[in-house]
């Protein structure tokens, strides 16, 4: 859930690690990168839900 929401908050924008590499900051703040991060979060939740529904103990 964190990967879905975090890229669209101020925490993503105010990341001090990105200030050390200026060109990385412009890439990380683009909508494409934010969308990919959110998409990975949604994919992770989808896989987890599928695994939980198909879980069987043997």
PDB file of N, CA and C in Angstrom:
ATOM      1  N   UNK A   1       0.826  -1.189   0.000  1.00  0.00           N
ATOM      2  CA  UNK A   1       0.000   0.000   0.000  1.00  0.00           C
ATOM      3  C   UNK A   1       0.874   1.258   0.000  1.00  0.00           C
ATOM      4  N   UNK A   2       2.038   1.138   0.597  1.00  0.00           N
ATOM      5  CA  UNK A   2       2.941   2.283   0.673  1.00  0.00           C
ATOM      6  C   UNK A   2       3.398   2.733  -0.716  1.00  0.00           C
ATOM      7  N   UNK A   3       3.697   1.777  -1.595  1.00  0.00           N
ATOM      8  CA  UNK A   3       4.150   2.143  -2.939  1.00  0.00           C
ATOM      9  C   UNK A   3       3.047   2.765  -3.783  1.00  0.00           C
ATOM     10  N   UNK A   4       1.817   2.491  -3.456  1.00  0.00           N
ATOM     11  CA  UNK A   4       0.709   3.064  -4.223  1.00  0.00           C
ATOM     12  C   UNK A   4       0.520   4.537  -3.864  1.00  0.00           C
ATOM     13  N   UNK A   5       0.648   4.869  -2.599  1.00  0.00           N
ATOM     14  CA  UNK A   5       0.329   6.220  -2.123  1.00  0.00           C
ATOM     15  C   UNK A   5       1.560   7.134  -2.038  1.00  0.00           C
ATOM     16  N   UNK A   6       2.678   6.611  -1.613  1.00  0.00           N
ATOM     17  CA  UNK A   6       3.858   7.441  -1.334  1.00  0.00           C
ATOM     18  C   UNK A   6       4.335   8.297  -2.505  1.00  0.00           C
ATOM     19  N   UNK A   7       4.356   7.806  -3.749  1.00  0.00           N
ATOM     20  CA  UNK A   7       4.855   8.666  -4.830  1.00  0.00           C
ATOM     21  C   UNK A   7       4.040   9.936  -5.058  1.00  0.00           C
ATOM     22  N   UNK A   8       2.850  10.016  -4.555  1.00  0.00           N
ATOM     23  CA  UNK A   8       1.990  11.171  -4.795  1.00  0.00           C
ATOM     24  C   UNK A   8       1.910  12.092  -3.584  1.00  0.00           C
ATOM     25  N   UNK A   9       2.748  11.882  -2.570  1.00  0.00           N
ATOM     26  CA  UNK A   9       2.736  12.715  -1.370  1.00  0.00           C
ATOM     27  C   UNK A   9       3.949  13.647  -1.354  1.00  0.00           C
ATOM     28  N   UNK A  10       3.965  14.555  -0.397  1.00  0.00           N
ATOM     29  CA  UNK A  10       5.083  15.497  -0.256  1.00  0.00           C
ATOM     30  C   UNK A  10       6.357  14.798   0.202  1.00  0.00           C
ATOM     31  N   UNK A  11       6.252  13.637   0.794  1.00  0.00           N
ATOM     32  CA  UNK A  11       7.439  12.900   1.238  1.00  0.00           C
ATOM     33  C   UNK A  11       8.306  12.535   0.034  1.00  0.00           C
ATOM     34  N   UNK A  12       7.671  12.156  -1.062  1.00  0.00           N
ATOM     35  CA  UNK A  12       8.397  11.827  -2.300  1.00  0.00           C
ATOM     36  C   UNK A  12       9.088  13.078  -2.854  1.00  0.00           C
ATOM     37  N   UNK A  13       8.408  14.212  -2.781  1.00  0.00           N
ATOM     38  CA  UNK A  13       8.962  15.466  -3.313  1.00  0.00           C
ATOM     39  C   UNK A  13      10.114  16.002  -2.466  1.00  0.00           C
ATOM     40  N   UNK A  14      10.043  15.830  -1.155  1.00  0.00           N
ATOM     41  CA  UNK A  14      11.036  16.398  -0.232  1.00  0.00           C
ATOM     42  C   UNK A  14      12.137  15.413   0.144  1.00  0.00           C
ATOM     43  N   UNK A  15      12.432  14.469  -0.723  1.00  0.00           N
ATOM     44  CA  UNK A  15      13.449  13.466  -0.456  1.00  0.00           C
ATOM     45  C   UNK A  15      14.838  14.102  -0.549  1.00  0.00           C
ATOM     46  N   UNK A  16      15.562  14.129   0.554  1.00  0.00           N
ATOM     47  CA  UNK A  16      16.874  14.776   0.592  1.00  0.00           C
ATOM     48  C   UNK A  16      17.945  13.948  -0.108  1.00  0.00           C
ATOM     49  N   UNK A  17      17.721  12.663  -0.280  1.00  0.00           N
ATOM     50  CA  UNK A  17      18.698  11.844  -0.994  1.00  0.00           C
ATOM     51  C   UNK A  17      18.784  12.244  -2.463  1.00  0.00           C
ATOM     52  N   UNK A  18      17.684  12.734  -3.015  1.00  0.00           N
ATOM     53  CA  UNK A  18      17.685  13.135  -4.415  1.00  0.00           C
ATOM     54  C   UNK A  18      18.436  14.442  -4.652  1.00  0.00           C
ATOM     55  N   UNK A  19      18.682  15.208  -3.619  1.00  0.00           N
ATOM     56  CA  UNK A  19      19.395  16.480  -3.794  1.00  0.00           C
ATOM     57  C   UNK A  19      20.883  16.272  -4.094  1.00  0.00           C
ATOM     58  N   UNK A  20      21.417  15.110  -3.807  1.00  0.00           N
ATOM     59  CA  UNK A  20      22.827  14.838  -4.080  1.00  0.00           C
ATOM     60  C   UNK A  20      23.084  14.559  -5.554  1.00  0.00           C
ATOM     61  N   UNK A  21      22.064  14.081  -6.273  1.00  0.00           N
ATOM     62  CA  UNK A  21      22.201  13.789  -7.700  1.00  0.00           C
ATOM     63  C   UNK A  21      21.088  14.548  -8.421  1.00  0.00           C
ATOM     64  N   UNK A  22      21.378  15.729  -8.950  1.00  0.00           N
ATOM     65  CA  UNK A  22      20.327  16.598  -9.505  1.00  0.00           C
ATOM     66  C   UNK A  22      19.531  15.983 -10.656  1.00  0.00           C
ATOM     67  N   UNK A  23      20.178  15.292 -11.590  1.00  0.00           N
ATOM     68  CA  UNK A  23      19.424  14.731 -12.711  1.00  0.00           C
ATOM     69  C   UNK A  23      18.511  13.595 -12.272  1.00  0.00           C
ATOM     70  N   UNK A  24      18.870  12.894 -11.201  1.00  0.00           N
ATOM     71  CA  UNK A  24      18.012  11.834 -10.681  1.00  0.00           C
ATOM     72  C   UNK A  24      16.741  12.413 -10.073  1.00  0.00           C
ATOM     73  N   UNK A  25      16.839  13.613  -9.539  1.00  0.00           N
ATOM     74  CA  UNK A  25      15.682  14.278  -8.964  1.00  0.00           C
ATOM     75  C   UNK A  25      14.619  14.561 -10.016  1.00  0.00           C
ATOM     76  N   UNK A  26      15.039  15.028 -11.191  1.00  0.00           N
ATOM     77  CA  UNK A  26      14.063  15.314 -12.245  1.00  0.00           C
ATOM     78  C   UNK A  26      13.400  14.037 -12.739  1.00  0.00           C
ATOM     79  N   UNK A  27      14.140  12.948 -12.772  1.00  0.00           N
ATOM     80  CA  UNK A  27      13.564  11.664 -13.199  1.00  0.00           C
ATOM     81  C   UNK A  27      12.600  11.146 -12.150  1.00  0.00           C
ATOM     82  N   UNK A  28      13.000  11.170 -10.888  1.00  0.00           N
ATOM     83  CA  UNK A  28      12.172  10.619  -9.811  1.00  0.00           C
ATOM     84  C   UNK A  28      10.889  11.406  -9.602  1.00  0.00           C
ATOM     85  N   UNK A  29      10.901  12.692  -9.946  1.00  0.00           N
ATOM     86  CA  UNK A  29       9.710  13.511  -9.751  1.00  0.00           C
ATOM     87  C   UNK A  29       8.784  13.512 -10.961  1.00  0.00           C
ATOM     88  N   UNK A  30       9.137  12.783 -12.007  1.00  0.00           N
ATOM     89  CA  UNK A  30       8.278  12.736 -13.192  1.00  0.00           C
ATOM     90  C   UNK A  30       7.068  11.842 -12.925  1.00  0.00           C
ATOM     91  N   UNK A  31       6.014  12.116 -13.629  1.00  0.00           N
ATOM     92  CA  UNK A  31       4.790  11.345 -13.469  1.00  0.00           C
ATOM     93  C   UNK A  31       4.934   9.898 -13.892  1.00  0.00           C
ATOM     94  N   UNK A  32       5.820   9.651 -14.848  1.00  0.00           N
ATOM     95  CA  UNK A  32       6.027   8.279 -15.326  1.00  0.00           C
ATOM     96  C   UNK A  32       6.615   7.410 -14.218  1.00  0.00           C
ATOM     97  N   UNK A  33       7.628   7.906 -13.548  1.00  0.00           N
ATOM     98  CA  UNK A  33       8.269   7.142 -12.475  1.00  0.00           C
ATOM     99  C   UNK A  33       7.298   6.950 -11.312  1.00  0.00           C
ATOM    100  N   UNK A  34       6.542   7.978 -10.999  1.00  0.00           N
ATOM    101  CA  UNK A  34       5.543   7.847  -9.935  1.00  0.00           C
ATOM    102  C   UNK A  34       4.490   6.809 -10.308  1.00  0.00           C
ATOM    103  N   UNK A  35       4.072   6.812 -11.563  1.00  0.00           N
ATOM    104  CA  UNK A  35       3.091   5.834 -12.024  1.00  0.00           C
ATOM    105  C   UNK A  35       3.627   4.418 -11.996  1.00  0.00           C
ATOM    106  N   UNK A  36       4.884   4.244 -12.378  1.00  0.00           N
ATOM    107  CA  UNK A  36       5.500   2.918 -12.329  1.00  0.00           C
ATOM    108  C   UNK A  36       5.589   2.418 -10.890  1.00  0.00           C
ATOM    109  N   UNK A  37       5.976   3.286  -9.970  1.00  0.00           N
ATOM    110  CA  UNK A  37       6.060   2.894  -8.562  1.00  0.00           C
ATOM    111  C   UNK A  37       4.680   2.506  -8.032  1.00  0.00           C
ATOM    112  N   UNK A  38       3.659   3.275  -8.374  1.00  0.00           N
ATOM    113  CA  UNK A  38       2.303   2.950  -7.935  1.00  0.00           C
ATOM    114  C   UNK A  38       1.816   1.658  -8.583  1.00  0.00           C
ATOM    115  N   UNK A  39       2.160   1.473  -9.848  1.00  0.00           N
ATOM    116  CA  UNK A  39       1.783   0.239 -10.536  1.00  0.00           C
ATOM    117  C   UNK A  39       2.421  -0.986  -9.914  1.00  0.00           C
ATOM    118  N   UNK A  40       3.684  -0.873  -9.523  1.00  0.00           N
ATOM    119  CA  UNK A  40       4.336  -1.990  -8.844  1.00  0.00           C
ATOM    120  C   UNK A  40       3.682  -2.294  -7.501  1.00  0.00           C
ATOM    121  N   UNK A  41       3.251  -1.251  -6.804  1.00  0.00           N
ATOM    122  CA  UNK A  41       2.546  -1.451  -5.542  1.00  0.00           C
ATOM    123  C   UNK A  41       1.219  -2.159  -5.754  1.00  0.00           C
ATOM    124  N   UNK A  42       0.482  -1.759  -6.790  1.00  0.00           N
ATOM    125  CA  UNK A  42      -0.791  -2.428  -7.099  1.00  0.00           C
ATOM    126  C   UNK A  42      -0.569  -3.874  -7.525  1.00  0.00           C
ATOM    127  N   UNK A  43       0.455  -4.114  -8.331  1.00  0.00           N
ATOM    128  CA  UNK A  43       0.773  -5.481  -8.749  1.00  0.00           C
ATOM    129  C   UNK A  43       1.130  -6.347  -7.552  1.00  0.00           C
ATOM    130  N   UNK A  44       1.882  -5.807  -6.626  1.00  0.00           N
ATOM    131  CA  UNK A  44       2.253  -6.531  -5.415  1.00  0.00           C
ATOM    132  C   UNK A  44       1.024  -6.901  -4.591  1.00  0.00           C
ATOM    133  N   UNK A  45       0.091  -5.954  -4.446  1.00  0.00           N
ATOM    134  CA  UNK A  45      -1.132  -6.240  -3.681  1.00  0.00           C
ATOM    135  C   UNK A  45      -1.995  -7.268  -4.399  1.00  0.00           C
ATOM    136  N   UNK A  46      -2.049  -7.219  -5.723  1.00  0.00           N
ATOM    137  CA  UNK A  46      -2.834  -8.169  -6.496  1.00  0.00           C
ATOM    138  C   UNK A  46      -2.272  -9.588  -6.339  1.00  0.00           C
ATOM    139  N   UNK A  47      -0.962  -9.725  -6.438  1.00  0.00           N
ATOM    140  CA  UNK A  47      -0.323 -11.034  -6.267  1.00  0.00           C
ATOM    141  C   UNK A  47      -0.530 -11.552  -4.852  1.00  0.00           C
ATOM    142  N   UNK A  48      -0.420 -10.695  -3.865  1.00  0.00           N
ATOM    143  CA  UNK A  48      -0.628 -11.109  -2.475  1.00  0.00           C
ATOM    144  C   UNK A  48      -2.057 -11.574  -2.252  1.00  0.00           C
ATOM    145  N   UNK A  49      -3.037 -10.872  -2.828  1.00  0.00           N
ATOM    146  CA  UNK A  49      -4.438 -11.282  -2.676  1.00  0.00           C
ATOM    147  C   UNK A  49      -4.691 -12.606  -3.375  1.00  0.00           C
ATOM    148  N   UNK A  50      -4.113 -12.801  -4.556  1.00  0.00           N
ATOM    149  CA  UNK A  50      -4.285 -14.066  -5.280  1.00  0.00           C
ATOM    150  C   UNK A  50      -3.661 -15.222  -4.505  1.00  0.00           C
ATOM    151  N   UNK A  51      -2.494 -14.992  -3.943  1.00  0.00           N
ATOM    152  CA  UNK A  51      -1.832 -16.031  -3.148  1.00  0.00           C
ATOM    153  C   UNK A  51      -2.645 -16.347  -1.890  1.00  0.00           C
ATOM    154  N   UNK A  52      -3.219 -15.335  -1.271  1.00  0.00           N
ATOM    155  CA  UNK A  52      -4.008 -15.564  -0.058  1.00  0.00           C
ATOM    156  C   UNK A  52      -5.277 -16.350  -0.367  1.00  0.00           C
ATOM    157  N   UNK A  53      -5.897 -16.096  -1.518  1.00  0.00           N
ATOM    158  CA  UNK A  53      -7.127 -16.820  -1.871  1.00  0.00           C
ATOM    159  C   UNK A  53      -6.839 -18.271  -2.259  1.00  0.00           C
ATOM    160  N   UNK A  54      -5.661 -18.528  -2.800  1.00  0.00           N
ATOM    161  CA  UNK A  54      -5.333 -19.881  -3.252  1.00  0.00           C
ATOM    162  C   UNK A  54      -4.486 -20.648  -2.275  1.00  0.00           C
ATOM    163  N   UNK A  55      -4.291 -20.141  -1.066  1.00  0.00           N
ATOM    164  CA  UNK A  55      -3.436 -20.784  -0.076  1.00  0.00           C
ATOM    165  C   UNK A  55      -4.139 -22.014   0.498  1.00  0.00           C
ATOM    166  N   UNK A  56      -3.407 -23.112   0.488  1.00  0.00           N
ATOM    167  CA  UNK A  56      -3.902 -24.354   1.103  1.00  0.00           C
ATOM    168  C   UNK A  56      -2.747 -24.990   1.880  1.00  0.00           C
ATOM    169  N   UNK A  57      -3.022 -25.397   3.102  1.00  0.00           N
ATOM    170  CA  UNK A  57      -2.013 -26.112   3.882  1.00  0.00           C
ATOM    171  C   UNK A  57      -2.112 -27.597   3.568  1.00  0.00           C
ATOM    172  N   UNK A  58      -0.969 -28.206   3.423  1.00  0.00           N
ATOM    173  CA  UNK A  58      -0.949 -29.659   3.159  1.00  0.00           C
ATOM    174  C   UNK A  58      -0.339 -30.371   4.322  1.00  0.00           C
TER     175      UNK A  58
END
